[in-house]
Amino acid sequence: MDVRNTGGGRLRSLRVSGDLIGSHAEASLADLDPGRSASGVLTFPYDHEWRPGRHVLPLGVEYALEPGTSLLTHVRAYLLLQLATSAEPAVAVSAPEVTLDVRTRLPVSLESADRQPHRVRVRVETPPGLVAPDPPPVVDVPALGRVSVDVPLLCGAAPRDSRLGILIVAEALEGPVERMALATTVVAIASDPAWLPKLRAPLALLAFVLLGAGLVAEWRRVRPSR
């Protein structure tokens, strides 16, 4: 894996992870200055049964922008791999951008790409802070026409007023050849609807003023008279 820093700050604690054919792998990379690149290796043992063909490798990239901080930025990426043989996707998949407060439904559209019916597993790959269903839903896609499935999404620790990229992987379950399809979209996390967090700064200022006034009043009370 090659990672290039296209931003303006140094990337620290850089790590790349991925899941392929039932196996998970991670690689830690050197810190990256702007404009620099680093390489790492993800190794996936073939411990599970797998089919040759078109596979989607979902990737997660995380890094910190400040030294010594536990606040990490997470980015979703992917690779398309042709393993042992080449294949075209069995279906076409798409999904719109959605807004998420606490819970929402992501409408995923599926259509056969070869005019054949398919039984498809729809997997949504999310960054930390978003939760998709497990196990993923399975949909019957007809030979002609479009079918839609609503995939629930839950907001965990995702930061408010942020935009997070997600991957939708559609895996046709029949046949000896893997023919995965992929779509990407964005989930916009809504701002905090509660009114109390918006008053934290004014309330803190008011508390500071009242504390100062109390200290001044106490000093005037106990100071010796001349």
Protein backbone atom coordinates (compact mmCIF):
# COMPACT_ATOMS: atom_id res chain seq x y z
CA MET A 1 0.00 0.00 0.00
CA ASP A 2 1.30 3.47 -0.92
CA VAL A 3 -0.05 6.48 0.99
CA ARG A 4 0.74 10.06 -0.03
CA ASN A 5 0.18 13.13 2.15
CA THR A 6 -1.60 15.67 -0.06
CA GLY A 7 -2.46 18.01 2.82
CA GLY A 8 -0.55 20.79 4.53
CA GLY A 9 0.21 19.15 7.89
CA ARG A 10 2.29 16.24 9.12
CA LEU A 11 0.41 12.94 9.43
CA ARG A 12 1.28 11.07 12.63
CA SER A 13 0.41 7.59 13.93
CA LEU A 14 -0.50 6.64 10.37
CA ARG A 15 -2.16 3.24 10.01
CA VAL A 16 -3.90 1.41 7.15
CA SER A 17 -6.27 -1.52 7.67
CA GLY A 18 -8.40 -3.71 5.42
CA ASP A 19 -10.67 -6.75 5.30
CA LEU A 20 -10.49 -9.35 2.53
CA ILE A 21 -12.03 -12.81 2.28
CA GLY A 22 -12.79 -13.04 5.98
CA SER A 23 -9.36 -11.83 7.13
CA HIS A 24 -8.31 -8.53 8.69
CA ALA A 25 -4.88 -6.93 8.30
CA GLU A 26 -3.24 -3.73 9.51
CA ALA A 27 -0.01 -1.90 8.73
CA SER A 28 1.63 1.00 10.57
CA LEU A 29 3.42 3.55 8.39
CA ALA A 30 6.00 6.19 9.13
CA ASP A 31 4.87 9.75 9.87
CA LEU A 32 4.37 11.70 6.66
CA ASP A 33 5.33 15.28 5.93
CA PRO A 34 3.32 17.18 3.29
CA GLY A 35 4.02 15.90 -0.20
CA ARG A 36 5.75 12.73 1.03
CA SER A 37 4.72 9.08 0.55
CA ALA A 38 5.06 5.93 2.64
CA SER A 39 4.47 2.25 1.91
CA GLY A 40 3.14 -0.64 3.94
CA VAL A 41 2.10 -4.24 3.37
CA LEU A 42 -1.27 -5.81 4.21
CA THR A 43 -1.06 -9.61 4.40
CA PHE A 44 -4.27 -11.67 4.20
CA PRO A 45 -4.03 -15.40 4.89
CA TYR A 46 -6.46 -17.54 2.90
CA ASP A 47 -8.04 -19.13 5.95
CA HIS A 48 -11.56 -19.02 4.49
CA GLU A 49 -13.19 -20.39 1.37
CA TRP A 50 -13.12 -17.86 -1.43
CA ARG A 51 -14.11 -17.51 -5.06
CA PRO A 52 -11.87 -16.15 -7.82
CA GLY A 53 -13.02 -13.00 -9.56
CA ARG A 54 -13.74 -9.35 -8.75
CA HIS A 55 -13.23 -8.50 -5.07
CA VAL A 56 -13.60 -5.20 -3.24
CA LEU A 57 -10.96 -4.51 -0.60
CA PRO A 58 -12.35 -1.86 1.80
CA LEU A 59 -9.59 0.16 3.46
CA GLY A 60 -9.46 2.35 6.51
CA VAL A 61 -6.79 5.04 6.88
CA GLU A 62 -6.33 6.77 10.22
CA TYR A 63 -3.89 9.42 11.38
CA ALA A 64 -3.34 12.21 13.91
CA LEU A 65 -2.48 15.78 12.99
CA GLU A 66 -1.11 16.81 16.40
CA PRO A 67 1.71 15.09 18.32
CA GLY A 68 0.65 13.09 21.34
CA THR A 69 -3.08 13.41 20.68
CA SER A 70 -5.62 10.60 20.83
CA LEU A 71 -7.89 12.42 18.36
CA LEU A 72 -7.60 10.49 15.10
CA THR A 73 -8.95 11.25 11.64
CA HIS A 74 -10.45 8.26 9.84
CA VAL A 75 -10.78 8.03 6.03
CA ARG A 76 -12.44 5.30 3.99
CA ALA A 77 -10.81 4.03 0.77
CA TYR A 78 -10.92 0.88 -1.37
CA LEU A 79 -9.19 -1.23 -3.99
CA LEU A 80 -10.74 -3.37 -6.72
CA LEU A 81 -8.90 -6.68 -7.05
CA GLN A 82 -9.17 -9.29 -9.81
CA LEU A 83 -8.06 -12.52 -8.12
CA ALA A 84 -7.17 -15.54 -10.30
CA THR A 85 -9.61 -14.43 -13.02
CA SER A 86 -11.22 -11.22 -14.22
CA ALA A 87 -14.94 -10.56 -13.89
CA GLU A 88 -17.46 -7.75 -14.28
CA PRO A 89 -19.86 -6.70 -11.50
CA ALA A 90 -23.10 -8.66 -11.35
CA VAL A 91 -25.21 -5.63 -10.38
CA ALA A 92 -25.15 -1.86 -10.51
CA VAL A 93 -25.44 -0.24 -7.08
CA SER A 94 -26.05 3.36 -6.05
CA ALA A 95 -27.00 5.34 -2.95
CA PRO A 96 -27.67 9.06 -2.32
CA GLU A 97 -26.12 11.32 0.27
CA VAL A 98 -28.11 11.28 3.50
CA THR A 99 -28.25 13.34 6.69
CA LEU A 100 -28.00 11.53 10.02
CA ASP A 101 -29.02 12.77 13.45
CA VAL A 102 -29.41 9.68 15.65
CA ARG A 103 -30.82 7.15 13.18
CA THR A 104 -31.62 7.19 9.48
CA ARG A 105 -32.14 4.83 6.56
CA LEU A 106 -29.83 4.74 3.56
CA PRO A 107 -31.78 3.83 0.38
CA VAL A 108 -29.58 1.53 -1.71
CA SER A 109 -30.67 0.87 -5.31
CA LEU A 110 -29.70 -2.34 -7.11
CA GLU A 111 -30.11 -3.37 -10.74
CA SER A 112 -28.88 -6.43 -12.61
CA ALA A 113 -25.91 -5.67 -14.87
CA ASP A 114 -26.27 -8.78 -17.07
CA ARG A 115 -30.07 -9.24 -17.28
CA GLN A 116 -29.89 -12.22 -14.93
CA PRO A 117 -31.46 -12.48 -11.46
CA HIS A 118 -29.08 -12.32 -8.50
CA ARG A 119 -29.21 -12.81 -4.77
CA VAL A 120 -27.09 -10.01 -3.33
CA ARG A 121 -25.63 -9.27 0.10
CA VAL A 122 -25.46 -5.49 0.71
CA ARG A 123 -22.63 -4.54 3.05
CA VAL A 124 -22.12 -0.93 4.20
CA GLU A 125 -18.57 -0.12 5.31
CA THR A 126 -18.57 2.80 7.75
CA PRO A 127 -15.86 4.77 9.56
CA PRO A 128 -15.72 4.71 13.37
CA GLY A 129 -18.69 6.56 14.87
CA LEU A 130 -21.24 5.17 12.40
CA VAL A 131 -22.96 1.81 12.84
CA ALA A 132 -24.43 -0.31 10.02
CA PRO A 133 -26.46 -3.53 10.48
CA ASP A 134 -24.74 -6.83 11.18
CA PRO A 135 -25.49 -9.21 9.56
CA PRO A 136 -25.97 -7.19 6.35
CA PRO A 137 -29.24 -7.53 4.44
CA VAL A 138 -29.67 -9.93 1.52
CA VAL A 139 -31.75 -8.78 -1.48
CA ASP A 140 -33.20 -10.60 -4.50
CA VAL A 141 -32.44 -8.53 -7.60
CA PRO A 142 -34.64 -9.33 -10.64
CA ALA A 143 -33.30 -9.79 -14.15
CA LEU A 144 -35.01 -6.55 -15.23
CA GLY A 145 -35.91 -3.53 -13.19
CA ARG A 146 -34.54 -1.84 -10.11
CA VAL A 147 -34.99 -2.86 -6.49
CA SER A 148 -34.26 -0.80 -3.39
CA VAL A 149 -33.38 -1.71 0.19
CA ASP A 150 -33.25 0.67 3.15
CA VAL A 151 -30.14 0.07 5.25
CA PRO A 152 -30.37 1.51 8.78
CA LEU A 153 -27.52 3.70 10.00
CA LEU A 154 -26.95 4.72 13.61
CA CYS A 155 -24.85 7.60 14.89
CA GLY A 156 -22.39 6.54 17.58
CA ALA A 157 -19.46 8.78 18.38
CA ALA A 158 -19.34 10.50 14.99
CA PRO A 159 -18.55 14.22 15.38
CA ARG A 160 -21.42 16.62 14.82
CA ASP A 161 -21.42 18.85 11.72
CA SER A 162 -19.08 16.44 9.90
CA ARG A 163 -19.27 14.65 6.56
CA LEU A 164 -18.20 10.99 6.49
CA GLY A 165 -17.61 8.83 3.45
CA ILE A 166 -19.00 5.29 3.36
CA LEU A 167 -18.70 2.34 0.98
CA ILE A 168 -21.56 0.12 -0.22
CA VAL A 169 -20.41 -3.33 -1.36
CA ALA A 170 -22.91 -5.53 -3.25
CA GLU A 171 -21.87 -9.19 -3.34
CA ALA A 172 -23.70 -11.61 -5.64
CA LEU A 173 -23.91 -14.88 -3.74
CA GLU A 174 -24.42 -17.36 -6.59
CA GLY A 175 -21.98 -18.85 -9.09
CA PRO A 176 -18.32 -19.92 -8.93
CA VAL A 177 -16.96 -16.42 -9.72
CA GLU A 178 -16.99 -13.42 -7.38
CA ARG A 179 -18.53 -10.32 -9.03
CA MET A 180 -18.68 -7.61 -6.37
CA ALA A 181 -20.03 -4.14 -7.12
CA LEU A 182 -19.24 -0.92 -5.29
CA ALA A 183 -20.71 2.52 -4.67
CA THR A 184 -19.62 5.42 -2.48
CA THR A 185 -21.61 8.15 -0.81
CA VAL A 186 -21.50 10.63 2.07
CA VAL A 187 -23.31 10.79 5.39
CA ALA A 188 -23.73 14.32 6.73
CA ILE A 189 -23.88 14.29 10.54
CA ALA A 190 -26.41 16.87 11.78
CA SER A 191 -25.51 19.56 14.28
CA ASP A 192 -26.32 18.98 17.94
CA PRO A 193 -30.05 19.76 18.41
CA ALA A 194 -29.74 20.25 22.16
CA TRP A 195 -29.83 23.86 23.38
CA LEU A 196 -27.71 23.32 26.50
CA PRO A 197 -24.38 22.73 24.68
CA LYS A 198 -24.84 26.05 22.91
CA LEU A 199 -25.06 27.79 26.30
CA ARG A 200 -21.87 26.29 27.70
CA ALA A 201 -19.66 29.24 26.76
CA PRO A 202 -22.09 31.97 27.99
CA LEU A 203 -22.76 30.01 31.20
CA ALA A 204 -19.04 29.55 31.81
CA LEU A 205 -18.50 33.29 31.33
CA LEU A 206 -21.39 34.08 33.68
CA ALA A 207 -20.00 31.71 36.31
CA PHE A 208 -16.60 33.37 36.04
CA VAL A 209 -18.12 36.83 36.47
CA LEU A 210 -20.18 35.73 39.47
CA LEU A 211 -17.13 34.09 41.03
CA GLY A 212 -15.13 37.29 40.57
CA ALA A 213 -17.92 39.39 42.04
CA GLY A 214 -18.15 37.05 45.04
CA LEU A 215 -14.40 37.25 45.65
CA VAL A 216 -14.49 41.06 45.49
CA ALA A 217 -17.45 41.19 47.91
CA GLU A 218 -15.69 38.83 50.32
CA TRP A 219 -12.49 40.86 50.15
CA ARG A 220 -14.39 44.04 50.94
CA ARG A 221 -16.08 42.34 53.91
CA VAL A 222 -12.97 41.02 55.55
CA ARG A 223 -10.49 43.80 54.75
CA PRO A 224 -9.42 45.79 57.85
CA SER A 225 -11.03 49.18 58.23
CA ARG A 226 -8.78 52.21 58.44
